């Protein structure tokens, strides 16, 4: 009677380990999917802070993170245009 219990126990442990491995791989992919766009956004924001105008972010998502990237693009474009108008006005008045 101990043999069927051991077979079940070994199968259960193997299934549990496979499930944990699959869940870990899924979680890693999900985390990378969030961290890469956030890293790009952080680097672009730091560039703007340093007075540079980075290329527009590529928006590939249709969620809140994609909306944030799109709004960041709009904001940097508006800031760039505003700076160009101000510099143009200053050079004309001086």
PDB file of N, CA and C in Angstrom:
ATOM      1  N   UNK A   1       0.807  -1.204   0.000  1.00  0.00           N
ATOM      2  CA  UNK A   1       0.000   0.000   0.000  1.00  0.00           C
ATOM      3  C   UNK A   1       0.851   1.269   0.000  1.00  0.00           C
ATOM      4  N   UNK A   2       2.071   1.188   0.407  1.00  0.00           N
ATOM      5  CA  UNK A   2       2.944   2.357   0.438  1.00  0.00           C
ATOM      6  C   UNK A   2       3.420   2.737  -0.949  1.00  0.00           C
ATOM      7  N   UNK A   3       3.458   1.823  -1.888  1.00  0.00           N
ATOM      8  CA  UNK A   3       3.947   2.098  -3.230  1.00  0.00           C
ATOM      9  C   UNK A   3       3.041   3.080  -3.971  1.00  0.00           C
ATOM     10  N   UNK A   4       1.700   2.924  -4.006  1.00  0.00           N
ATOM     11  CA  UNK A   4       0.864   3.918  -4.702  1.00  0.00           C
ATOM     12  C   UNK A   4       0.975   5.316  -4.081  1.00  0.00           C
ATOM     13  N   UNK A   5       1.121   5.365  -2.777  1.00  0.00           N
ATOM     14  CA  UNK A   5       1.257   6.663  -2.112  1.00  0.00           C
ATOM     15  C   UNK A   5       2.540   7.358  -2.561  1.00  0.00           C
ATOM     16  N   UNK A   6       3.632   6.606  -2.663  1.00  0.00           N
ATOM     17  CA  UNK A   6       4.898   7.185  -3.112  1.00  0.00           C
ATOM     18  C   UNK A   6       4.823   7.648  -4.552  1.00  0.00           C
ATOM     19  N   UNK A   7       4.168   6.892  -5.393  1.00  0.00           N
ATOM     20  CA  UNK A   7       4.023   7.282  -6.795  1.00  0.00           C
ATOM     21  C   UNK A   7       3.214   8.569  -6.895  1.00  0.00           C
ATOM     22  N   UNK A   8       2.132   8.649  -6.121  1.00  0.00           N
ATOM     23  CA  UNK A   8       1.317   9.866  -6.119  1.00  0.00           C
ATOM     24  C   UNK A   8       2.110  11.049  -5.573  1.00  0.00           C
ATOM     25  N   UNK A   9       2.847  10.827  -4.506  1.00  0.00           N
ATOM     26  CA  UNK A   9       3.631  11.881  -3.879  1.00  0.00           C
ATOM     27  C   UNK A   9       4.705  12.398  -4.833  1.00  0.00           C
ATOM     28  N   UNK A  10       5.390  11.505  -5.521  1.00  0.00           N
ATOM     29  CA  UNK A  10       6.423  11.916  -6.472  1.00  0.00           C
ATOM     30  C   UNK A  10       5.817  12.682  -7.634  1.00  0.00           C
ATOM     31  N   UNK A  11       4.683  12.228  -8.134  1.00  0.00           N
ATOM     32  CA  UNK A  11       4.011  12.920  -9.240  1.00  0.00           C
ATOM     33  C   UNK A  11       3.546  14.302  -8.811  1.00  0.00           C
ATOM     34  N   UNK A  12       3.010  14.370  -7.600  1.00  0.00           N
ATOM     35  CA  UNK A  12       2.528  15.651  -7.092  1.00  0.00           C
ATOM     36  C   UNK A  12       3.676  16.646  -6.937  1.00  0.00           C
ATOM     37  N   UNK A  13       4.796  16.191  -6.406  1.00  0.00           N
ATOM     38  CA  UNK A  13       5.953  17.070  -6.222  1.00  0.00           C
ATOM     39  C   UNK A  13       6.494  17.528  -7.576  1.00  0.00           C
ATOM     40  N   UNK A  14       6.566  16.616  -8.535  1.00  0.00           N
ATOM     41  CA  UNK A  14       7.042  16.982  -9.873  1.00  0.00           C
ATOM     42  C   UNK A  14       6.112  18.012 -10.507  1.00  0.00           C
ATOM     43  N   UNK A  15       4.810  17.796 -10.395  1.00  0.00           N
ATOM     44  CA  UNK A  15       3.830  18.741 -10.943  1.00  0.00           C
ATOM     45  C   UNK A  15       3.935  20.089 -10.240  1.00  0.00           C
ATOM     46  N   UNK A  16       4.138  20.068  -8.953  1.00  0.00           N
ATOM     47  CA  UNK A  16       4.281  21.310  -8.194  1.00  0.00           C
ATOM     48  C   UNK A  16       5.525  22.078  -8.641  1.00  0.00           C
ATOM     49  N   UNK A  17       6.634  21.396  -8.825  1.00  0.00           N
ATOM     50  CA  UNK A  17       7.862  22.051  -9.269  1.00  0.00           C
ATOM     51  C   UNK A  17       7.719  22.638 -10.668  1.00  0.00           C
ATOM     52  N   UNK A  18       7.076  21.913 -11.568  1.00  0.00           N
ATOM     53  CA  UNK A  18       6.852  22.424 -12.921  1.00  0.00           C
ATOM     54  C   UNK A  18       5.954  23.657 -12.867  1.00  0.00           C
ATOM     55  N   UNK A  19       4.921  23.607 -12.030  1.00  0.00           N
ATOM     56  CA  UNK A  19       4.017  24.755 -11.896  1.00  0.00           C
ATOM     57  C   UNK A  19       4.740  25.981 -11.363  1.00  0.00           C
ATOM     58  N   UNK A  20       5.600  25.782 -10.383  1.00  0.00           N
ATOM     59  CA  UNK A  20       6.369  26.896  -9.819  1.00  0.00           C
ATOM     60  C   UNK A  20       7.314  27.465 -10.871  1.00  0.00           C
ATOM     61  N   UNK A  21       7.950  26.609 -11.649  1.00  0.00           N
ATOM     62  CA  UNK A  21       8.857  27.062 -12.698  1.00  0.00           C
ATOM     63  C   UNK A  21       8.112  27.866 -13.761  1.00  0.00           C
ATOM     64  N   UNK A  22       6.978  27.377 -14.207  1.00  0.00           N
ATOM     65  CA  UNK A  22       6.190  28.091 -15.221  1.00  0.00           C
ATOM     66  C   UNK A  22       5.710  29.428 -14.677  1.00  0.00           C
ATOM     67  N   UNK A  23       5.265  29.463 -13.444  1.00  0.00           N
ATOM     68  CA  UNK A  23       4.805  30.704 -12.829  1.00  0.00           C
ATOM     69  C   UNK A  23       5.952  31.704 -12.715  1.00  0.00           C
ATOM     70  N   UNK A  24       7.138  31.222 -12.350  1.00  0.00           N
ATOM     71  CA  UNK A  24       8.301  32.099 -12.254  1.00  0.00           C
ATOM     72  C   UNK A  24       8.682  32.697 -13.596  1.00  0.00           C
ATOM     73  N   UNK A  25       8.633  31.889 -14.649  1.00  0.00           N
ATOM     74  CA  UNK A  25       8.949  32.398 -15.986  1.00  0.00           C
ATOM     75  C   UNK A  25       7.916  33.433 -16.440  1.00  0.00           C
ATOM     76  N   UNK A  26       6.655  33.167 -16.157  1.00  0.00           N
ATOM     77  CA  UNK A  26       5.604  34.118 -16.503  1.00  0.00           C
ATOM     78  C   UNK A  26       5.792  35.434 -15.749  1.00  0.00           C
ATOM     79  N   UNK A  27       6.092  35.343 -14.470  1.00  0.00           N
ATOM     80  CA  UNK A  27       6.287  36.553 -13.659  1.00  0.00           C
ATOM     81  C   UNK A  27       7.489  37.356 -14.150  1.00  0.00           C
ATOM     82  N   UNK A  28       8.547  36.665 -14.549  1.00  0.00           N
ATOM     83  CA  UNK A  28       9.732  37.359 -15.059  1.00  0.00           C
ATOM     84  C   UNK A  28       9.419  38.103 -16.355  1.00  0.00           C
ATOM     85  N   UNK A  29       8.702  37.459 -17.249  1.00  0.00           N
ATOM     86  CA  UNK A  29       8.313  38.110 -18.499  1.00  0.00           C
ATOM     87  C   UNK A  29       7.405  39.299 -18.255  1.00  0.00           C
ATOM     88  N   UNK A  30       6.476  39.162 -17.318  1.00  0.00           N
ATOM     89  CA  UNK A  30       5.567  40.254 -16.982  1.00  0.00           C
ATOM     90  C   UNK A  30       6.341  41.434 -16.403  1.00  0.00           C
ATOM     91  N   UNK A  31       7.287  41.143 -15.523  1.00  0.00           N
ATOM     92  CA  UNK A  31       8.084  42.219 -14.907  1.00  0.00           C
ATOM     93  C   UNK A  31       8.933  42.937 -15.949  1.00  0.00           C
ATOM     94  N   UNK A  32       9.515  42.187 -16.877  1.00  0.00           N
ATOM     95  CA  UNK A  32      10.303  42.818 -17.935  1.00  0.00           C
ATOM     96  C   UNK A  32       9.426  43.685 -18.827  1.00  0.00           C
ATOM     97  N   UNK A  33       8.215  43.227 -19.079  1.00  0.00           N
ATOM     98  CA  UNK A  33       7.294  43.998 -19.908  1.00  0.00           C
ATOM     99  C   UNK A  33       6.943  45.342 -19.278  1.00  0.00           C
ATOM    100  N   UNK A  34       6.990  45.414 -17.970  1.00  0.00           N
ATOM    101  CA  UNK A  34       6.732  46.681 -17.276  1.00  0.00           C
ATOM    102  C   UNK A  34       7.997  47.502 -17.094  1.00  0.00           C
ATOM    103  N   UNK A  35       9.098  46.851 -16.793  1.00  0.00           N
ATOM    104  CA  UNK A  35      10.301  47.606 -16.440  1.00  0.00           C
ATOM    105  C   UNK A  35      10.971  48.249 -17.646  1.00  0.00           C
ATOM    106  N   UNK A  36      10.943  47.625 -18.809  1.00  0.00           N
ATOM    107  CA  UNK A  36      11.623  48.211 -19.968  1.00  0.00           C
ATOM    108  C   UNK A  36      10.997  49.551 -20.371  1.00  0.00           C
ATOM    109  N   UNK A  37       9.672  49.640 -20.560  1.00  0.00           N
ATOM    110  CA  UNK A  37       9.101  50.955 -20.895  1.00  0.00           C
ATOM    111  C   UNK A  37       9.304  51.991 -19.786  1.00  0.00           C
ATOM    112  N   UNK A  38       9.269  51.554 -18.534  1.00  0.00           N
ATOM    113  CA  UNK A  38       9.496  52.499 -17.437  1.00  0.00           C
ATOM    114  C   UNK A  38      10.937  53.002 -17.454  1.00  0.00           C
ATOM    115  N   UNK A  39      11.891  52.119 -17.732  1.00  0.00           N
ATOM    116  CA  UNK A  39      13.294  52.553 -17.826  1.00  0.00           C
ATOM    117  C   UNK A  39      13.470  53.572 -18.946  1.00  0.00           C
ATOM    118  N   UNK A  40      12.846  53.330 -20.090  1.00  0.00           N
ATOM    119  CA  UNK A  40      12.937  54.270 -21.208  1.00  0.00           C
ATOM    120  C   UNK A  40      12.352  55.617 -20.826  1.00  0.00           C
ATOM    121  N   UNK A  41      11.237  55.596 -20.125  1.00  0.00           N
ATOM    122  CA  UNK A  41      10.592  56.839 -19.702  1.00  0.00           C
ATOM    123  C   UNK A  41      11.469  57.593 -18.697  1.00  0.00           C
ATOM    124  N   UNK A  42      12.071  56.877 -17.772  1.00  0.00           N
ATOM    125  CA  UNK A  42      12.941  57.511 -16.781  1.00  0.00           C
ATOM    126  C   UNK A  42      14.151  58.149 -17.470  1.00  0.00           C
ATOM    127  N   UNK A  43      14.769  57.432 -18.408  1.00  0.00           N
ATOM    128  CA  UNK A  43      15.934  57.991 -19.108  1.00  0.00           C
ATOM    129  C   UNK A  43      15.548  59.226 -19.930  1.00  0.00           C
ATOM    130  N   UNK A  44      14.385  59.187 -20.563  1.00  0.00           N
ATOM    131  CA  UNK A  44      13.936  60.347 -21.335  1.00  0.00           C
ATOM    132  C   UNK A  44      13.658  61.528 -20.410  1.00  0.00           C
ATOM    133  N   UNK A  45      13.051  61.275 -19.262  1.00  0.00           N
ATOM    134  CA  UNK A  45      12.776  62.360 -18.308  1.00  0.00           C
ATOM    135  C   UNK A  45      14.077  62.954 -17.777  1.00  0.00           C
ATOM    136  N   UNK A  46      15.067  62.118 -17.520  1.00  0.00           N
ATOM    137  CA  UNK A  46      16.356  62.626 -17.053  1.00  0.00           C
ATOM    138  C   UNK A  46      17.035  63.459 -18.131  1.00  0.00           C
ATOM    139  N   UNK A  47      16.863  63.060 -19.385  1.00  0.00           N
ATOM    140  CA  UNK A  47      17.449  63.844 -20.482  1.00  0.00           C
ATOM    141  C   UNK A  47      16.803  65.222 -20.547  1.00  0.00           C
ATOM    142  N   UNK A  48      15.487  65.292 -20.404  1.00  0.00           N
ATOM    143  CA  UNK A  48      14.787  66.580 -20.416  1.00  0.00           C
ATOM    144  C   UNK A  48      15.243  67.420 -19.234  1.00  0.00           C
ATOM    145  N   UNK A  49      15.395  66.782 -18.093  1.00  0.00           N
ATOM    146  CA  UNK A  49      15.880  67.498 -16.905  1.00  0.00           C
ATOM    147  C   UNK A  49      17.246  68.109 -17.155  1.00  0.00           C
ATOM    148  N   UNK A  50      18.077  67.419 -17.922  1.00  0.00           N
ATOM    149  CA  UNK A  50      19.431  67.888 -18.206  1.00  0.00           C
ATOM    150  C   UNK A  50      19.483  68.849 -19.388  1.00  0.00           C
ATOM    151  N   UNK A  51      18.323  69.221 -19.919  1.00  0.00           N
ATOM    152  CA  UNK A  51      18.279  70.198 -21.000  1.00  0.00           C
ATOM    153  C   UNK A  51      18.391  69.609 -22.387  1.00  0.00           C
ATOM    154  N   UNK A  52      18.291  68.306 -22.502  1.00  0.00           N
ATOM    155  CA  UNK A  52      18.346  67.646 -23.802  1.00  0.00           C
ATOM    156  C   UNK A  52      16.925  67.329 -24.268  1.00  0.00           C
ATOM    157  N   UNK A  53      16.785  67.132 -25.553  1.00  0.00           N
ATOM    158  CA  UNK A  53      15.482  66.764 -26.103  1.00  0.00           C
ATOM    159  C   UNK A  53      15.609  65.379 -26.731  1.00  0.00           C
ATOM    160  N   UNK A  54      15.224  64.353 -25.988  1.00  0.00           N
ATOM    161  CA  UNK A  54      15.354  62.993 -26.513  1.00  0.00           C
ATOM    162  C   UNK A  54      14.350  62.740 -27.633  1.00  0.00           C
ATOM    163  N   UNK A  55      14.610  61.687 -28.391  1.00  0.00           N
ATOM    164  CA  UNK A  55      13.645  61.273 -29.408  1.00  0.00           C
ATOM    165  C   UNK A  55      12.344  60.887 -28.709  1.00  0.00           C
ATOM    166  N   UNK A  56      11.255  60.968 -29.440  1.00  0.00           N
ATOM    167  CA  UNK A  56       9.973  60.578 -28.860  1.00  0.00           C
ATOM    168  C   UNK A  56       9.993  59.097 -28.494  1.00  0.00           C
ATOM    169  N   UNK A  57       9.319  58.786 -27.416  1.00  0.00           N
ATOM    170  CA  UNK A  57       9.226  57.399 -26.979  1.00  0.00           C
ATOM    171  C   UNK A  57       8.320  56.623 -27.924  1.00  0.00           C
ATOM    172  N   UNK A  58       8.668  55.385 -28.172  1.00  0.00           N
ATOM    173  CA  UNK A  58       7.828  54.528 -28.999  1.00  0.00           C
ATOM    174  C   UNK A  58       6.733  53.943 -28.116  1.00  0.00           C
ATOM    175  N   UNK A  59       5.495  54.271 -28.432  1.00  0.00           N
ATOM    176  CA  UNK A  59       4.356  53.806 -27.637  1.00  0.00           C
ATOM    177  C   UNK A  59       3.831  52.530 -28.274  1.00  0.00           C
ATOM    178  N   UNK A  60       3.983  51.408 -27.563  1.00  0.00           N
ATOM    179  CA  UNK A  60       3.548  50.124 -28.081  1.00  0.00           C
ATOM    180  C   UNK A  60       2.457  49.501 -27.234  1.00  0.00           C
ATOM    181  N   UNK A  61       2.086  50.162 -26.175  1.00  0.00           N
ATOM    182  CA  UNK A  61       1.102  49.589 -25.251  1.00  0.00           C
ATOM    183  C   UNK A  61      -0.191  50.383 -25.320  1.00  0.00           C
ATOM    184  N   UNK A  62      -1.264  49.707 -25.008  1.00  0.00           N
ATOM    185  CA  UNK A  62      -2.577  50.344 -25.000  1.00  0.00           C
ATOM    186  C   UNK A  62      -3.154  50.321 -23.582  1.00  0.00           C
ATOM    187  N   UNK A  63      -2.303  50.666 -22.618  1.00  0.00           N
ATOM    188  CA  UNK A  63      -2.725  50.683 -21.227  1.00  0.00           C
ATOM    189  C   UNK A  63      -2.250  51.989 -20.579  1.00  0.00           C
ATOM    190  N   UNK A  64      -2.256  52.026 -19.273  1.00  0.00           N
ATOM    191  CA  UNK A  64      -1.876  53.239 -18.567  1.00  0.00           C
ATOM    192  C   UNK A  64      -0.428  53.629 -18.847  1.00  0.00           C
ATOM    193  N   UNK A  65       0.441  52.651 -18.970  1.00  0.00           N
ATOM    194  CA  UNK A  65       1.843  52.946 -19.252  1.00  0.00           C
ATOM    195  C   UNK A  65       2.002  53.532 -20.656  1.00  0.00           C
ATOM    196  N   UNK A  66       1.264  53.012 -21.611  1.00  0.00           N
ATOM    197  CA  UNK A  66       1.281  53.578 -22.959  1.00  0.00           C
ATOM    198  C   UNK A  66       0.736  54.992 -22.968  1.00  0.00           C
ATOM    199  N   UNK A  67      -0.311  55.234 -22.182  1.00  0.00           N
ATOM    200  CA  UNK A  67      -0.869  56.585 -22.070  1.00  0.00           C
ATOM    201  C   UNK A  67       0.158  57.533 -21.457  1.00  0.00           C
ATOM    202  N   UNK A  68       0.874  57.073 -20.438  1.00  0.00           N
ATOM    203  CA  UNK A  68       1.903  57.905 -19.811  1.00  0.00           C
ATOM    204  C   UNK A  68       3.007  58.241 -20.812  1.00  0.00           C
ATOM    205  N   UNK A  69       3.424  57.272 -21.616  1.00  0.00           N
ATOM    206  CA  UNK A  69       4.446  57.530 -22.633  1.00  0.00           C
ATOM    207  C   UNK A  69       3.937  58.537 -23.658  1.00  0.00           C
ATOM    208  N   UNK A  70       2.700  58.392 -24.073  1.00  0.00           N
ATOM    209  CA  UNK A  70       2.122  59.303 -25.059  1.00  0.00           C
ATOM    210  C   UNK A  70       2.026  60.727 -24.515  1.00  0.00           C
ATOM    211  N   UNK A  71       1.583  60.856 -23.281  1.00  0.00           N
ATOM    212  CA  UNK A  71       1.474  62.178 -22.653  1.00  0.00           C
ATOM    213  C   UNK A  71       2.862  62.785 -22.460  1.00  0.00           C
ATOM    214  N   UNK A  72       3.851  61.965 -22.114  1.00  0.00           N
ATOM    215  CA  UNK A  72       5.220  62.461 -21.985  1.00  0.00           C
ATOM    216  C   UNK A  72       5.711  62.992 -23.322  1.00  0.00           C
ATOM    217  N   UNK A  73       5.433  62.270 -24.414  1.00  0.00           N
ATOM    218  CA  UNK A  73       5.812  62.738 -25.748  1.00  0.00           C
ATOM    219  C   UNK A  73       5.163  64.081 -26.057  1.00  0.00           C
ATOM    220  N   UNK A  74       3.863  64.199 -25.754  1.00  0.00           N
ATOM    221  CA  UNK A  74       3.156  65.461 -26.000  1.00  0.00           C
ATOM    222  C   UNK A  74       3.767  66.600 -25.181  1.00  0.00           C
ATOM    223  N   UNK A  75       4.100  66.299 -23.924  1.00  0.00           N
ATOM    224  CA  UNK A  75       4.658  67.318 -23.042  1.00  0.00           C
ATOM    225  C   UNK A  75       6.021  67.785 -23.546  1.00  0.00           C
ATOM    226  N   UNK A  76       6.893  66.858 -23.919  1.00  0.00           N
ATOM    227  CA  UNK A  76       8.218  67.262 -24.375  1.00  0.00           C
ATOM    228  C   UNK A  76       8.150  68.015 -25.704  1.00  0.00           C
ATOM    229  N   UNK A  77       7.216  67.618 -26.556  1.00  0.00           N
ATOM    230  CA  UNK A  77       7.047  68.344 -27.819  1.00  0.00           C
ATOM    231  C   UNK A  77       6.584  69.771 -27.548  1.00  0.00           C
ATOM    232  N   UNK A  78       5.627  69.943 -26.634  1.00  0.00           N
ATOM    233  CA  UNK A  78       5.144  71.278 -26.288  1.00  0.00           C
ATOM    234  C   UNK A  78       6.251  72.109 -25.636  1.00  0.00           C
ATOM    235  N   UNK A  79       7.030  71.506 -24.757  1.00  0.00           N
ATOM    236  CA  UNK A  79       8.136  72.223 -24.119  1.00  0.00           C
ATOM    237  C   UNK A  79       9.183  72.664 -25.138  1.00  0.00           C
ATOM    238  N   UNK A  80       9.492  71.782 -26.070  1.00  0.00           N
ATOM    239  CA  UNK A  80      10.484  72.105 -27.101  1.00  0.00           C
ATOM    240  C   UNK A  80      10.000  73.285 -27.945  1.00  0.00           C
ATOM    241  N   UNK A  81       8.732  73.246 -28.372  1.00  0.00           N
ATOM    242  CA  UNK A  81       8.179  74.340 -29.179  1.00  0.00           C
ATOM    243  C   UNK A  81       8.162  75.643 -28.394  1.00  0.00           C
ATOM    244  N   UNK A  82       7.805  75.557 -27.125  1.00  0.00           N
ATOM    245  CA  UNK A  82       7.776  76.748 -26.279  1.00  0.00           C
ATOM    246  C   UNK A  82       9.174  77.342 -26.132  1.00  0.00           C
ATOM    247  N   UNK A  83      10.171  76.479 -25.944  1.00  0.00           N
ATOM    248  CA  UNK A  83      11.548  76.961 -25.831  1.00  0.00           C
ATOM    249  C   UNK A  83      12.002  77.608 -27.147  1.00  0.00           C
ATOM    250  N   UNK A  84      11.647  77.013 -28.264  1.00  0.00           N
ATOM    251  CA  UNK A  84      12.028  77.582 -29.557  1.00  0.00           C
ATOM    252  C   UNK A  84      11.373  78.942 -29.771  1.00  0.00           C
ATOM    253  N   UNK A  85      10.106  79.093 -29.395  1.00  0.00           N
ATOM    254  CA  UNK A  85       9.428  80.392 -29.529  1.00  0.00           C
ATOM    255  C   UNK A  85      10.068  81.439 -28.627  1.00  0.00           C
ATOM    256  N   UNK A  86      10.422  81.033 -27.409  1.00  0.00           N
ATOM    257  CA  UNK A  86      11.026  81.974 -26.477  1.00  0.00           C
ATOM    258  C   UNK A  86      12.406  82.405 -26.982  1.00  0.00           C
ATOM    259  N   UNK A  87      13.194  81.461 -27.462  1.00  0.00           N
ATOM    260  CA  UNK A  87      14.517  81.817 -28.009  1.00  0.00           C
ATOM    261  C   UNK A  87      14.382  82.711 -29.246  1.00  0.00           C
ATOM    262  N   UNK A  88      13.411  82.434 -30.074  1.00  0.00           N
ATOM    263  CA  UNK A  88      13.170  83.257 -31.258  1.00  0.00           C
ATOM    264  C   UNK A  88      12.786  84.666 -30.839  1.00  0.00           C
ATOM    265  N   UNK A  89      11.926  84.785 -29.865  1.00  0.00           N
ATOM    266  CA  UNK A  89      11.498  86.108 -29.383  1.00  0.00           C
ATOM    267  C   UNK A  89      12.689  86.855 -28.783  1.00  0.00           C
ATOM    268  N   UNK A  90      13.510  86.163 -28.012  1.00  0.00           N
ATOM    269  CA  UNK A  90      14.663  86.802 -27.407  1.00  0.00           C
ATOM    270  C   UNK A  90      15.665  87.293 -28.446  1.00  0.00           C
ATOM    271  N   UNK A  91      15.901  86.499 -29.463  1.00  0.00           N
ATOM    272  CA  UNK A  91      16.868  86.918 -30.477  1.00  0.00           C
ATOM    273  C   UNK A  91      16.326  88.082 -31.304  1.00  0.00           C
ATOM    274  N   UNK A  92      15.024  88.164 -31.470  1.00  0.00           N
ATOM    275  CA  UNK A  92      14.432  89.269 -32.220  1.00  0.00           C
ATOM    276  C   UNK A  92      14.442  90.565 -31.416  1.00  0.00           C
ATOM    277  N   UNK A  93      14.294  90.454 -30.109  1.00  0.00           N
ATOM    278  CA  UNK A  93      14.235  91.660 -29.280  1.00  0.00           C
ATOM    279  C   UNK A  93      15.621  92.184 -28.906  1.00  0.00           C
ATOM    280  N   UNK A  94      16.618  91.379 -29.004  1.00  0.00           N
ATOM    281  CA  UNK A  94      17.964  91.834 -28.645  1.00  0.00           C
ATOM    282  C   UNK A  94      18.652  92.389 -29.804  1.00  0.00           C
TER     283      UNK A  94
END
